[in-house]
Every structure is written in structure tokens, then in C-alpha cells.
Amino acid sequence: MTLGSQIAWDDTVLPFQLDRSDIRGRVARLDGVLDRVLEQHDYPAPIESLVAEMALLTAMIGQTIKLRWKLSLQVRGDGPARLIATDYYAPPSEGEPAHVRAYASYDADRLHESAEPFGLIGKGYFAILIDQGEGTTPYQGITPIAGGSLSACAETYFAQSEQLPTRFALSYGRSSSPGTGETWRAGGVMLQVMPAASPFAGGGGSGEEGLMEPSDILEGDEEENWGRANMLLDTVEELELIGPSVQPTELLVRLFHEEGPRVFDPQPVAFGCSCSPEKVRQTLSIYSAKDIRHMTTDDGIVTADCQFCGAHYEFDPETLGFEATKDP
């Protein structure tokens, strides 16, 4: 495999379909995106792992949705890891990359570097929010934290809220190649029953706390196909998921050659943030002049920092709020 072909598959999501099984999926590879996401903050190692897993999930899920603007994933808990938030912005036009950003809030005093990352979340919820932009009503779906990973939470969400059996196999971490420094790499495979194949589900589920499981949704040939595809995915190795020695197309043939894999156009992914001075001004437009004075520093300015990308903004307080006396 040449270096050129390796780079071509970095930071991409490849859609595919298993024709024999009536199952769709995604193969994702992220490297530079994760480096850009994580270099914005000096996160402890367990928080880095949670952010990396969440960003990978977001890239894969975002690509499955006919999205005009933004998909957001959020995990909130009562543990030291209070919030993991990610956004996926649809590509502005065909051929351009989708954009991903991520942020974590945590209680450093309660966090132990050697802790198992998922256990730092505690009790809470996993949420998916879809915003198609101006003139539409945002959609929000929420399920409780369940399972032993963020990917398990996402699987539970799709079974419970969408009645779509879904499976993720993910791998992520720091890696190094000869002649290069240490960088982040992540990769994964997502499997999901085609939406038309799962029209029914009712009553309580057989999963944790009564949540839905794939066996509660599928029956007959659909259940057999789903089980077979999952058994094949169980054979994947972590190094196959993250590459770079195995191309996504090669991986699909290795895993699912008897299932009739068919691939579609890959979607490039890049780090990107939607923050801007105008958006900060809009956020502050609800505040009175008195409120703005409380936000003003001793140097006579109002400052704001983007939690996602670290951008720093400074404003003349007289240009802010609904009682502003100056134009920006």
C-alpha cells in the first residue's frame, strides 16, 4: 500500500451496504481530525479517550442522516466527566468535507488518571440532537447511560428511540510511525439494519432497565441476517479498524465478502468550528447594559472563549446587549 493511498483514506467515512443481509454501514478513519480536536485542550488521558470515542461516533452517525445543518451528540453524567459534547456539520456542498468539533467538561478534583474512562461519567443520559437549520424544529432523543461504553450507549439509543438495531466496533488511541511523531488514530465499523426492515417494536425491552435490544425488534430472516453480520464483525482486529495498512474497502471484503458488500462515495471529514464574533454578539444580545457591565473586565472589555476551538474574542461592552449604544 502506498503512502498516497493511505492518506486518501484518512479522515473519511465510507458508506456501504450488505446486499444479502439488508444491512447498511459505515467505515470511518479519523486521524488529523482527532489531533485538531484534542490539541485545543490539555485533557487528562481518560477524558481524551472519551472525546475520541465520541468524535468517532459522531462522524459515523452524522453521515447516515440526510442532514442539512447539524447533528449533536451529548453525554451528561454525575461523575467527574460531566459533559462530552460533539457536533457534526453537514458539508456545505457536494465534494466538500463535513466538519466535526468536540468538547469535554470535567471535575479535575474528582478525576483519577488511571480510572476507566466510561466509569467517569456515572449516571446520566446520552442524547442525539438534529437541527436542520432555520425554519425547522430541532429533534432531540434521549436515553439513559447504559452498557460499558459510549458506543454501547449509541446502540441503545438507536434500538430504543429509532427501533433500528445498530452495532459499532471502534478502536482509537495514540500511535506513531517511523519518522513521525505520536498522533491520534481512530477507526470503526458501524452496522445498522435498513430502516424499512424494522417497523415494529412495542412494550418493554429485554435490555438493561427494560431498554430495547435487537432481539426485541427483529424476527425471522432479519434476525438471522443481523446475527450473522455481527458474528463476522466480531472477527475484526483493532489494527484493521484504525489502519493505515488496511484500506476500508479491503476491510469490508475481508469481513463481509459473502454478504455482497457495496460501497458508495466516501465523505471527507475535517475539524471545523462554527463560532464567530457575530454569533457571540447574538448570544449576548439578550443581556441588559447592567448585565454587560458585570461581564466587563478591569481593562474595559468583554471577553469570550469558544469551548470547542479555543478562539478568543474581545468586545467593546458598549456594542453588546439589547441596550447597546454603539454599532459593532
C-alpha atoms as a PDB file:
ATOM      1  CA  MET A   1       0.000   0.000   0.000  1.00  0.00           C
ATOM      2  CA  THR A   2       1.474   3.365  -0.987  1.00  0.00           C
ATOM      3  CA  LEU A   3       1.598   6.431   1.241  1.00  0.00           C
ATOM      4  CA  GLY A   4      -0.739   8.193  -1.185  1.00  0.00           C
ATOM      5  CA  SER A   5      -3.437   5.548  -0.816  1.00  0.00           C
ATOM      6  CA  GLN A   6      -3.007   5.624   2.967  1.00  0.00           C
ATOM      7  CA  ILE A   7      -3.574   9.374   3.139  1.00  0.00           C
ATOM      8  CA  ALA A   8      -6.580   9.130   0.824  1.00  0.00           C
ATOM      9  CA  TRP A   9      -8.490   7.124   3.420  1.00  0.00           C
ATOM     10  CA  ASP A  10      -7.547   9.208   6.473  1.00  0.00           C
ATOM     11  CA  ASP A  11     -10.343  11.426   7.805  1.00  0.00           C
ATOM     12  CA  THR A  12     -13.071   9.776   5.748  1.00  0.00           C
ATOM     13  CA  VAL A  13     -16.348   7.948   6.292  1.00  0.00           C
ATOM     14  CA  LEU A  14     -17.150   5.269   3.713  1.00  0.00           C
ATOM     15  CA  PRO A  15     -20.828   4.261   3.365  1.00  0.00           C
ATOM     16  CA  PHE A  16     -21.565   0.662   2.401  1.00  0.00           C
ATOM     17  CA  GLN A  17     -24.418  -1.793   2.124  1.00  0.00           C
ATOM     18  CA  LEU A  18     -24.564  -5.575   2.585  1.00  0.00           C
ATOM     19  CA  ASP A  19     -26.973  -6.599  -0.148  1.00  0.00           C
ATOM     20  CA  ARG A  20     -27.512 -10.148   1.092  1.00  0.00           C
ATOM     21  CA  SER A  21     -28.288  -9.041   4.654  1.00  0.00           C
ATOM     22  CA  ASP A  22     -30.305  -5.855   4.040  1.00  0.00           C
ATOM     23  CA  ILE A  23     -27.856  -4.035   6.340  1.00  0.00           C
ATOM     24  CA  ARG A  24     -26.143  -0.698   5.807  1.00  0.00           C
ATOM     25  CA  GLY A  25     -22.992   0.563   7.453  1.00  0.00           C
ATOM     26  CA  ARG A  26     -20.086   2.959   7.634  1.00  0.00           C
ATOM     27  CA  VAL A  27     -16.324   2.539   7.878  1.00  0.00           C
ATOM     28  CA  ALA A  28     -14.635   5.568   9.436  1.00  0.00           C
ATOM     29  CA  ARG A  29     -10.980   6.577   9.728  1.00  0.00           C
ATOM     30  CA  LEU A  30     -10.002   9.683  11.688  1.00  0.00           C
ATOM     31  CA  ASP A  31      -6.509  10.929  12.394  1.00  0.00           C
ATOM     32  CA  GLY A  32      -5.894  14.621  11.705  1.00  0.00           C
ATOM     33  CA  VAL A  33      -9.425  15.433  12.843  1.00  0.00           C
ATOM     34  CA  LEU A  34      -8.783  13.936  16.266  1.00  0.00           C
ATOM     35  CA  ASP A  35      -5.430  15.678  16.568  1.00  0.00           C
ATOM     36  CA  ARG A  36      -7.114  19.016  15.849  1.00  0.00           C
ATOM     37  CA  VAL A  37      -9.990  18.308  18.256  1.00  0.00           C
ATOM     38  CA  LEU A  38      -7.761  17.248  21.139  1.00  0.00           C
ATOM     39  CA  GLU A  39      -4.969  19.786  20.711  1.00  0.00           C
ATOM     40  CA  GLN A  40      -7.436  22.548  21.615  1.00  0.00           C
ATOM     41  CA  HIS A  41      -7.401  21.375  25.258  1.00  0.00           C
ATOM     42  CA  ASP A  42      -4.996  19.722  27.667  1.00  0.00           C
ATOM     43  CA  TYR A  43      -7.341  16.896  28.656  1.00  0.00           C
ATOM     44  CA  PRO A  44      -6.305  14.119  31.053  1.00  0.00           C
ATOM     45  CA  ALA A  45      -5.878  10.751  29.300  1.00  0.00           C
ATOM     46  CA  PRO A  46      -9.281   9.280  30.317  1.00  0.00           C
ATOM     47  CA  ILE A  47     -11.108  12.397  29.073  1.00  0.00           C
ATOM     48  CA  GLU A  48      -9.140  12.287  25.808  1.00  0.00           C
ATOM     49  CA  SER A  49     -10.354   8.721  25.289  1.00  0.00           C
ATOM     50  CA  LEU A  50     -13.982   9.701  25.852  1.00  0.00           C
ATOM     51  CA  VAL A  51     -13.709  12.638  23.453  1.00  0.00           C
ATOM     52  CA  ALA A  52     -12.004  10.462  20.807  1.00  0.00           C
ATOM     53  CA  GLU A  53     -14.727   7.800  21.019  1.00  0.00           C
ATOM     54  CA  MET A  54     -17.496  10.400  20.909  1.00  0.00           C
ATOM     55  CA  ALA A  55     -15.978  12.188  17.905  1.00  0.00           C
ATOM     56  CA  LEU A  56     -15.682   8.902  16.007  1.00  0.00           C
ATOM     57  CA  LEU A  57     -19.308   8.008  16.781  1.00  0.00           C
ATOM     58  CA  THR A  58     -20.426  11.473  15.692  1.00  0.00           C
ATOM     59  CA  ALA A  59     -18.670  11.232  12.331  1.00  0.00           C
ATOM     60  CA  MET A  60     -20.239   7.834  11.625  1.00  0.00           C
ATOM     61  CA  ILE A  61     -23.762   8.689  12.777  1.00  0.00           C
ATOM     62  CA  GLY A  62     -23.751  12.099  11.100  1.00  0.00           C
ATOM     63  CA  GLN A  63     -23.006  10.521   7.741  1.00  0.00           C
ATOM     64  CA  THR A  64     -26.085   8.244   7.979  1.00  0.00           C
ATOM     65  CA  ILE A  65     -28.522  11.170   8.236  1.00  0.00           C
ATOM     66  CA  LYS A  66     -29.864  13.330   5.410  1.00  0.00           C
ATOM     67  CA  LEU A  67     -28.560  16.391   7.173  1.00  0.00           C
ATOM     68  CA  ARG A  68     -28.842  19.979   6.044  1.00  0.00           C
ATOM     69  CA  TRP A  69     -27.064  21.529   9.029  1.00  0.00           C
ATOM     70  CA  LYS A  70     -26.015  19.967  12.333  1.00  0.00           C
ATOM     71  CA  LEU A  71     -26.050  16.747  14.337  1.00  0.00           C
ATOM     72  CA  SER A  72     -25.024  16.935  18.004  1.00  0.00           C
ATOM     73  CA  LEU A  73     -24.230  14.171  20.470  1.00  0.00           C
ATOM     74  CA  GLN A  74     -24.180  14.877  24.194  1.00  0.00           C
ATOM     75  CA  VAL A  75     -23.407  12.785  27.244  1.00  0.00           C
ATOM     76  CA  ARG A  76     -24.117  14.259  30.648  1.00  0.00           C
ATOM     77  CA  GLY A  77     -23.357  12.463  33.892  1.00  0.00           C
ATOM     78  CA  ASP A  78     -22.986  12.955  37.616  1.00  0.00           C
ATOM     79  CA  GLY A  79     -19.422  11.643  37.667  1.00  0.00           C
ATOM     80  CA  PRO A  80     -16.121  13.503  37.173  1.00  0.00           C
ATOM     81  CA  ALA A  81     -16.767  13.567  33.400  1.00  0.00           C
ATOM     82  CA  ARG A  82     -19.719  15.947  33.479  1.00  0.00           C
ATOM     83  CA  LEU A  83     -20.203  16.604  29.769  1.00  0.00           C
ATOM     84  CA  ILE A  84     -18.960  15.282  26.444  1.00  0.00           C
ATOM     85  CA  ALA A  85     -20.386  17.280  23.536  1.00  0.00           C
ATOM     86  CA  THR A  86     -19.746  16.861  19.812  1.00  0.00           C
ATOM     87  CA  ASP A  87     -21.124  18.466  16.658  1.00  0.00           C
ATOM     88  CA  TYR A  88     -21.184  17.248  13.044  1.00  0.00           C
ATOM     89  CA  TYR A  89     -21.855  19.866  10.383  1.00  0.00           C
ATOM     90  CA  ALA A  90     -23.083  18.662   7.006  1.00  0.00           C
ATOM     91  CA  PRO A  91     -20.834  19.528   4.047  1.00  0.00           C
ATOM     92  CA  PRO A  92     -21.893  22.869   2.534  1.00  0.00           C
ATOM     93  CA  SER A  93     -21.833  21.363  -0.950  1.00  0.00           C
ATOM     94  CA  GLU A  94     -21.059  18.055  -2.669  1.00  0.00           C
ATOM     95  CA  GLY A  95     -17.407  17.095  -2.546  1.00  0.00           C
ATOM     96  CA  GLU A  96     -16.594  19.303   0.443  1.00  0.00           C
ATOM     97  CA  PRO A  97     -15.811  17.843   3.875  1.00  0.00           C
ATOM     98  CA  ALA A  98     -18.205  17.556   6.758  1.00  0.00           C
ATOM     99  CA  HIS A  99     -16.904  19.235   9.922  1.00  0.00           C
ATOM    100  CA  VAL A 100     -16.578  17.796  13.425  1.00  0.00           C
ATOM    101  CA  ARG A 101     -15.815  19.518  16.709  1.00  0.00           C
ATOM    102  CA  ALA A 102     -15.850  18.244  20.309  1.00  0.00           C
ATOM    103  CA  TYR A 103     -15.596  19.489  23.875  1.00  0.00           C
ATOM    104  CA  ALA A 104     -15.496  17.982  27.370  1.00  0.00           C
ATOM    105  CA  SER A 105     -16.205  19.421  30.814  1.00  0.00           C
ATOM    106  CA  TYR A 106     -14.852  17.554  33.816  1.00  0.00           C
ATOM    107  CA  ASP A 107     -14.160  17.895  37.536  1.00  0.00           C
ATOM    108  CA  ALA A 108     -10.387  17.626  37.867  1.00  0.00           C
ATOM    109  CA  ASP A 109     -10.553  17.237  41.656  1.00  0.00           C
ATOM    110  CA  ARG A 110     -12.596  14.033  41.348  1.00  0.00           C
ATOM    111  CA  LEU A 111     -10.740  12.543  38.392  1.00  0.00           C
ATOM    112  CA  HIS A 112      -8.066   9.848  38.632  1.00  0.00           C
ATOM    113  CA  GLU A 113      -5.757   9.448  35.623  1.00  0.00           C
ATOM    114  CA  SER A 114      -5.827   5.649  35.947  1.00  0.00           C
ATOM    115  CA  ALA A 115      -9.630   5.432  36.021  1.00  0.00           C
ATOM    116  CA  GLU A 116     -11.579   3.526  33.389  1.00  0.00           C
ATOM    117  CA  PRO A 117     -12.885   6.314  31.124  1.00  0.00           C
ATOM    118  CA  PHE A 118     -16.529   5.285  30.782  1.00  0.00           C
ATOM    119  CA  GLY A 119     -16.892   4.852  34.547  1.00  0.00           C
ATOM    120  CA  LEU A 120     -16.096   8.553  34.992  1.00  0.00           C
ATOM    121  CA  ILE A 121     -19.484   9.507  33.544  1.00  0.00           C
ATOM    122  CA  GLY A 122     -21.596   7.921  36.272  1.00  0.00           C
ATOM    123  CA  LYS A 123     -25.365   8.096  35.936  1.00  0.00           C
ATOM    124  CA  GLY A 124     -26.828  10.360  33.315  1.00  0.00           C
ATOM    125  CA  TYR A 125     -28.077  10.380  29.742  1.00  0.00           C
ATOM    126  CA  PHE A 126     -26.994  10.046  26.133  1.00  0.00           C
ATOM    127  CA  ALA A 127     -28.669  12.429  23.684  1.00  0.00           C
ATOM    128  CA  ILE A 128     -28.767  12.946  19.945  1.00  0.00           C
ATOM    129  CA  LEU A 129     -29.950  16.310  18.616  1.00  0.00           C
ATOM    130  CA  ILE A 130     -30.652  17.042  14.956  1.00  0.00           C
ATOM    131  CA  ASP A 131     -31.016  20.633  13.774  1.00  0.00           C
ATOM    132  CA  GLN A 132     -31.839  21.057  10.083  1.00  0.00           C
ATOM    133  CA  GLY A 133     -31.416  24.822  10.266  1.00  0.00           C
ATOM    134  CA  GLU A 134     -33.558  27.909  10.027  1.00  0.00           C
ATOM    135  CA  GLY A 135     -37.291  27.331   9.745  1.00  0.00           C
ATOM    136  CA  THR A 136     -37.212  23.828  11.223  1.00  0.00           C
ATOM    137  CA  THR A 137     -37.877  22.372  14.669  1.00  0.00           C
ATOM    138  CA  PRO A 138     -34.862  20.624  16.187  1.00  0.00           C
ATOM    139  CA  TYR A 139     -35.265  16.946  17.105  1.00  0.00           C
ATOM    140  CA  GLN A 140     -33.908  15.523  20.351  1.00  0.00           C
ATOM    141  CA  GLY A 141     -33.782  11.907  21.502  1.00  0.00           C
ATOM    142  CA  ILE A 142     -32.537  10.856  24.939  1.00  0.00           C
ATOM    143  CA  THR A 143     -31.726   7.501  26.530  1.00  0.00           C
ATOM    144  CA  PRO A 144     -30.102   6.739  29.907  1.00  0.00           C
ATOM    145  CA  ILE A 145     -26.431   5.850  30.160  1.00  0.00           C
ATOM    146  CA  ALA A 146     -26.251   2.079  29.689  1.00  0.00           C
ATOM    147  CA  GLY A 147     -23.697  -0.560  28.778  1.00  0.00           C
ATOM    148  CA  GLY A 148     -19.967  -0.223  29.224  1.00  0.00           C
ATOM    149  CA  SER A 149     -19.013   2.329  26.576  1.00  0.00           C
ATOM    150  CA  LEU A 150     -20.228   5.340  24.654  1.00  0.00           C
ATOM    151  CA  SER A 151     -20.713   3.115  21.609  1.00  0.00           C
ATOM    152  CA  ALA A 152     -22.987   0.873  23.695  1.00  0.00           C
ATOM    153  CA  CYS A 153     -24.971   3.985  24.671  1.00  0.00           C
ATOM    154  CA  ALA A 154     -25.361   4.839  20.976  1.00  0.00           C
ATOM    155  CA  GLU A 155     -26.504   1.286  20.208  1.00  0.00           C
ATOM    156  CA  THR A 156     -29.096   1.534  22.981  1.00  0.00           C
ATOM    157  CA  TYR A 157     -30.286   4.897  21.652  1.00  0.00           C
ATOM    158  CA  PHE A 158     -30.933   3.519  18.165  1.00  0.00           C
ATOM    159  CA  ALA A 159     -32.715   0.431  19.484  1.00  0.00           C
ATOM    160  CA  GLN A 160     -34.801   2.374  21.993  1.00  0.00           C
ATOM    161  CA  SER A 161     -35.577   5.606  20.138  1.00  0.00           C
ATOM    162  CA  GLU A 162     -35.407   4.595  16.474  1.00  0.00           C
ATOM    163  CA  GLN A 163     -36.100   0.833  16.638  1.00  0.00           C
ATOM    164  CA  LEU A 164     -33.019   0.309  14.468  1.00  0.00           C
ATOM    165  CA  PRO A 165     -30.629  -2.437  15.605  1.00  0.00           C
ATOM    166  CA  THR A 166     -27.166  -0.892  15.409  1.00  0.00           C
ATOM    167  CA  ARG A 167     -23.658  -2.121  16.186  1.00  0.00           C
ATOM    168  CA  PHE A 168     -20.331  -0.305  16.498  1.00  0.00           C
ATOM    169  CA  ALA A 169     -16.819  -1.754  16.539  1.00  0.00           C
ATOM    170  CA  LEU A 170     -14.325   1.006  17.379  1.00  0.00           C
ATOM    171  CA  SER A 171     -10.628   1.407  18.035  1.00  0.00           C
ATOM    172  CA  TYR A 172      -8.749   4.588  18.915  1.00  0.00           C
ATOM    173  CA  GLY A 173      -5.588   5.790  20.607  1.00  0.00           C
ATOM    174  CA  ARG A 174      -2.199   7.391  20.109  1.00  0.00           C
ATOM    175  CA  SER A 175       0.108   5.831  17.536  1.00  0.00           C
ATOM    176  CA  SER A 176       3.425   6.579  15.879  1.00  0.00           C
ATOM    177  CA  SER A 177       5.026   5.657  12.571  1.00  0.00           C
ATOM    178  CA  PRO A 178       8.733   5.583  11.669  1.00  0.00           C
ATOM    179  CA  GLY A 179       9.948   9.123  11.103  1.00  0.00           C
ATOM    180  CA  THR A 180       6.818  10.758  12.538  1.00  0.00           C
ATOM    181  CA  GLY A 181       5.730  11.909  15.959  1.00  0.00           C
ATOM    182  CA  GLU A 182       2.919  10.487  18.031  1.00  0.00           C
ATOM    183  CA  THR A 183      -0.549  11.210  16.656  1.00  0.00           C
ATOM    184  CA  TRP A 184      -4.110  10.118  17.278  1.00  0.00           C
ATOM    185  CA  ARG A 185      -5.713   7.488  15.084  1.00  0.00           C
ATOM    186  CA  ALA A 186      -9.228   6.105  15.262  1.00  0.00           C
ATOM    187  CA  GLY A 187     -11.309   3.812  13.142  1.00  0.00           C
ATOM    188  CA  GLY A 188     -14.525   1.901  13.312  1.00  0.00           C
ATOM    189  CA  VAL A 189     -17.292  -0.002  11.586  1.00  0.00           C
ATOM    190  CA  MET A 190     -20.981   0.753  12.057  1.00  0.00           C
ATOM    191  CA  LEU A 191     -23.686  -1.747  11.130  1.00  0.00           C
ATOM    192  CA  GLN A 192     -27.381  -0.878  11.069  1.00  0.00           C
ATOM    193  CA  VAL A 193     -30.487  -2.658   9.868  1.00  0.00           C
ATOM    194  CA  MET A 194     -32.032  -0.817   6.936  1.00  0.00           C
ATOM    195  CA  PRO A 195     -34.834   1.393   8.315  1.00  0.00           C
ATOM    196  CA  ALA A 196     -37.598  -0.314   6.326  1.00  0.00           C
ATOM    197  CA  ALA A 197     -36.613  -3.654   7.851  1.00  0.00           C
ATOM    198  CA  SER A 198     -37.544  -2.784  11.452  1.00  0.00           C
ATOM    199  CA  PRO A 199     -41.084  -1.390  11.526  1.00  0.00           C
ATOM    200  CA  PHE A 200     -42.229  -2.824  14.832  1.00  0.00           C
ATOM    201  CA  ALA A 201     -41.315  -2.736  18.482  1.00  0.00           C
ATOM    202  CA  GLY A 202     -43.560  -2.412  21.456  1.00  0.00           C
ATOM    203  CA  GLY A 203     -43.632  -2.727  25.200  1.00  0.00           C
ATOM    204  CA  GLY A 204     -40.605  -3.026  27.444  1.00  0.00           C
ATOM    205  CA  GLY A 205     -37.295  -4.279  26.188  1.00  0.00           C
ATOM    206  CA  SER A 206     -35.098  -7.112  27.417  1.00  0.00           C
ATOM    207  CA  GLY A 207     -32.020  -4.947  27.941  1.00  0.00           C
ATOM    208  CA  GLU A 208     -30.688  -3.091  30.962  1.00  0.00           C
ATOM    209  CA  GLU A 209     -33.514  -1.339  32.849  1.00  0.00           C
ATOM    210  CA  GLY A 210     -36.019  -2.524  30.262  1.00  0.00           C
ATOM    211  CA  LEU A 211     -34.293  -0.871  27.294  1.00  0.00           C
ATOM    212  CA  MET A 212     -34.732  -2.309  23.817  1.00  0.00           C
ATOM    213  CA  GLU A 213     -32.381  -4.912  22.365  1.00  0.00           C
ATOM    214  CA  PRO A 214     -32.088  -6.022  18.699  1.00  0.00           C
ATOM    215  CA  SER A 215     -33.815  -9.308  19.605  1.00  0.00           C
ATOM    216  CA  ASP A 216     -36.859  -7.282  20.706  1.00  0.00           C
ATOM    217  CA  ILE A 217     -37.121  -5.727  17.245  1.00  0.00           C
ATOM    218  CA  LEU A 218     -36.104  -8.375  14.698  1.00  0.00           C
ATOM    219  CA  GLU A 219     -37.509 -11.786  13.861  1.00  0.00           C
ATOM    220  CA  GLY A 220     -37.101 -14.498  11.248  1.00  0.00           C
ATOM    221  CA  ASP A 221     -34.677 -13.851   8.396  1.00  0.00           C
ATOM    222  CA  GLU A 222     -33.944 -10.326   9.608  1.00  0.00           C
ATOM    223  CA  GLU A 223     -32.774 -11.629  12.987  1.00  0.00           C
ATOM    224  CA  GLU A 224     -30.681 -14.342  11.314  1.00  0.00           C
ATOM    225  CA  ASN A 225     -29.063 -11.832   8.932  1.00  0.00           C
ATOM    226  CA  TRP A 226     -28.305  -9.451  11.786  1.00  0.00           C
ATOM    227  CA  GLY A 227     -26.765 -12.198  13.894  1.00  0.00           C
ATOM    228  CA  ARG A 228     -24.588 -13.401  11.018  1.00  0.00           C
ATOM    229  CA  ALA A 229     -23.307  -9.891  10.230  1.00  0.00           C
ATOM    230  CA  ASN A 230     -22.462  -9.334  13.893  1.00  0.00           C
ATOM    231  CA  MET A 231     -20.554 -12.624  14.101  1.00  0.00           C
ATOM    232  CA  LEU A 232     -18.472 -11.536  11.123  1.00  0.00           C
ATOM    233  CA  LEU A 233     -17.811  -8.126  12.692  1.00  0.00           C
ATOM    234  CA  ASP A 234     -16.683  -9.875  15.883  1.00  0.00           C
ATOM    235  CA  THR A 235     -13.654 -11.161  13.954  1.00  0.00           C
ATOM    236  CA  VAL A 236     -12.274  -7.697  13.209  1.00  0.00           C
ATOM    237  CA  GLU A 237      -8.947  -6.739  14.779  1.00  0.00           C
ATOM    238  CA  GLU A 238      -8.169  -3.355  16.284  1.00  0.00           C
ATOM    239  CA  LEU A 239      -5.301  -2.693  13.866  1.00  0.00           C
ATOM    240  CA  GLU A 240      -7.644  -3.411  10.953  1.00  0.00           C
ATOM    241  CA  LEU A 241     -10.032  -0.755  12.241  1.00  0.00           C
ATOM    242  CA  ILE A 242      -7.527   2.064  12.587  1.00  0.00           C
ATOM    243  CA  GLY A 243      -5.346   1.201   9.585  1.00  0.00           C
ATOM    244  CA  PRO A 244      -3.333   2.517   7.894  1.00  0.00           C
ATOM    245  CA  SER A 245      -2.182  -0.810   6.441  1.00  0.00           C
ATOM    246  CA  VAL A 246      -5.727  -1.985   5.599  1.00  0.00           C
ATOM    247  CA  GLN A 247      -7.916   0.106   3.323  1.00  0.00           C
ATOM    248  CA  PRO A 248     -11.614   0.335   4.272  1.00  0.00           C
ATOM    249  CA  THR A 249     -12.624  -1.381   1.044  1.00  0.00           C
ATOM    250  CA  GLU A 250     -10.195  -4.210   1.739  1.00  0.00           C
ATOM    251  CA  LEU A 251     -11.540  -4.499   5.286  1.00  0.00           C
ATOM    252  CA  LEU A 252     -15.112  -4.845   4.012  1.00  0.00           C
ATOM    253  CA  VAL A 253     -14.091  -7.655   1.664  1.00  0.00           C
ATOM    254  CA  ARG A 254     -12.235  -9.426   4.478  1.00  0.00           C
ATOM    255  CA  LEU A 255     -15.214  -9.238   6.830  1.00  0.00           C
ATOM    256  CA  PHE A 256     -18.285  -9.417   4.615  1.00  0.00           C
ATOM    257  CA  HIS A 257     -17.323 -10.860   1.212  1.00  0.00           C
ATOM    258  CA  GLU A 258     -20.194 -13.396   1.384  1.00  0.00           C
ATOM    259  CA  GLU A 259     -22.719 -10.673   2.274  1.00  0.00           C
ATOM    260  CA  GLY A 260     -22.372  -8.769  -1.008  1.00  0.00           C
ATOM    261  CA  PRO A 261     -20.748  -5.527   0.204  1.00  0.00           C
ATOM    262  CA  ARG A 262     -21.410  -2.489  -1.982  1.00  0.00           C
ATOM    263  CA  VAL A 263     -19.642   0.818  -1.326  1.00  0.00           C
ATOM    264  CA  PHE A 264     -20.729   4.366  -2.094  1.00  0.00           C
ATOM    265  CA  ASP A 265     -18.873   7.666  -2.358  1.00  0.00           C
ATOM    266  CA  PRO A 266     -16.706   8.374   0.710  1.00  0.00           C
ATOM    267  CA  GLN A 267     -17.319  11.514   2.747  1.00  0.00           C
ATOM    268  CA  PRO A 268     -14.240  13.526   3.787  1.00  0.00           C
ATOM    269  CA  VAL A 269     -14.261  14.870   7.357  1.00  0.00           C
ATOM    270  CA  ALA A 270     -12.328  17.824   8.784  1.00  0.00           C
ATOM    271  CA  PHE A 271     -12.099  19.687  12.058  1.00  0.00           C
ATOM    272  CA  GLY A 272     -14.223  22.803  11.987  1.00  0.00           C
ATOM    273  CA  CYS A 273     -15.955  25.216  14.320  1.00  0.00           C
ATOM    274  CA  SER A 274     -18.922  27.478  13.635  1.00  0.00           C
ATOM    275  CA  CYS A 275     -18.073  30.126  16.225  1.00  0.00           C
ATOM    276  CA  SER A 276     -17.706  33.762  15.124  1.00  0.00           C
ATOM    277  CA  PRO A 277     -17.823  37.269  16.624  1.00  0.00           C
ATOM    278  CA  GLU A 278     -21.325  37.687  15.214  1.00  0.00           C
ATOM    279  CA  LYS A 279     -22.587  34.561  16.982  1.00  0.00           C
ATOM    280  CA  VAL A 280     -21.084  35.688  20.286  1.00  0.00           C
ATOM    281  CA  ARG A 281     -22.793  39.091  19.883  1.00  0.00           C
ATOM    282  CA  GLN A 282     -26.068  37.321  19.149  1.00  0.00           C
ATOM    283  CA  THR A 283     -25.703  35.198  22.282  1.00  0.00           C
ATOM    284  CA  LEU A 284     -25.090  38.316  24.383  1.00  0.00           C
ATOM    285  CA  SER A 285     -27.929  40.267  22.787  1.00  0.00           C
ATOM    286  CA  ILE A 286     -30.383  39.117  25.490  1.00  0.00           C
ATOM    287  CA  TYR A 287     -28.461  40.909  28.261  1.00  0.00           C
ATOM    288  CA  SER A 288     -29.073  44.401  29.619  1.00  0.00           C
ATOM    289  CA  ALA A 289     -26.425  47.099  29.957  1.00  0.00           C
ATOM    290  CA  LYS A 290     -26.225  46.261  33.676  1.00  0.00           C
ATOM    291  CA  ASP A 291     -25.547  42.606  32.895  1.00  0.00           C
ATOM    292  CA  ILE A 292     -22.894  43.583  30.365  1.00  0.00           C
ATOM    293  CA  ARG A 293     -21.168  45.771  32.962  1.00  0.00           C
ATOM    294  CA  HIS A 294     -20.875  42.745  35.243  1.00  0.00           C
ATOM    295  CA  MET A 295     -19.128  40.884  32.399  1.00  0.00           C
ATOM    296  CA  THR A 296     -16.706  43.729  31.676  1.00  0.00           C
ATOM    297  CA  THR A 297     -13.100  43.223  32.799  1.00  0.00           C
ATOM    298  CA  ASP A 298     -10.920  45.781  34.574  1.00  0.00           C
ATOM    299  CA  ASP A 299      -9.447  46.571  31.163  1.00  0.00           C
ATOM    300  CA  GLY A 300     -12.852  47.707  29.945  1.00  0.00           C
ATOM    301  CA  ILE A 301     -13.585  44.837  27.563  1.00  0.00           C
ATOM    302  CA  VAL A 302     -15.869  41.797  27.459  1.00  0.00           C
ATOM    303  CA  THR A 303     -14.090  38.560  26.567  1.00  0.00           C
ATOM    304  CA  ALA A 304     -15.393  35.193  25.362  1.00  0.00           C
ATOM    305  CA  ASP A 305     -13.617  31.931  24.582  1.00  0.00           C
ATOM    306  CA  CYS A 306     -15.005  29.147  22.392  1.00  0.00           C
ATOM    307  CA  GLN A 307     -15.088  25.881  24.335  1.00  0.00           C
ATOM    308  CA  PHE A 308     -14.695  23.845  21.141  1.00  0.00           C
ATOM    309  CA  CYS A 309     -11.855  25.524  19.240  1.00  0.00           C
ATOM    310  CA  GLY A 310     -10.317  27.862  21.817  1.00  0.00           C
ATOM    311  CA  ALA A 311     -10.921  31.033  19.791  1.00  0.00           C
ATOM    312  CA  HIS A 312     -10.656  34.174  21.949  1.00  0.00           C
ATOM    313  CA  TYR A 313     -12.909  37.178  21.363  1.00  0.00           C
ATOM    314  CA  GLU A 314     -12.795  40.685  22.830  1.00  0.00           C
ATOM    315  CA  PHE A 315     -15.604  43.245  22.571  1.00  0.00           C
ATOM    316  CA  ASP A 316     -16.335  46.850  23.439  1.00  0.00           C
ATOM    317  CA  PRO A 317     -19.098  46.485  26.088  1.00  0.00           C
ATOM    318  CA  GLU A 318     -20.997  49.425  24.602  1.00  0.00           C
ATOM    319  CA  THR A 319     -21.593  47.353  21.439  1.00  0.00           C
ATOM    320  CA  LEU A 320     -23.204  44.441  23.299  1.00  0.00           C
ATOM    321  CA  GLY A 321     -26.647  43.618  24.654  1.00  0.00           C
ATOM    322  CA  PHE A 322     -30.091  44.931  23.743  1.00  0.00           C
ATOM    323  CA  GLU A 323     -29.170  48.338  25.179  1.00  0.00           C
ATOM    324  CA  ALA A 324     -26.016  48.765  23.102  1.00  0.00           C
ATOM    325  CA  THR A 325     -25.071  52.391  22.433  1.00  0.00           C
ATOM    326  CA  LYS A 326     -22.527  51.765  19.670  1.00  0.00           C
ATOM    327  CA  ASP A 327     -22.524  49.818  16.443  1.00  0.00           C
ATOM    328  CA  PRO A 328     -20.048  46.913  16.333  1.00  0.00           C
END
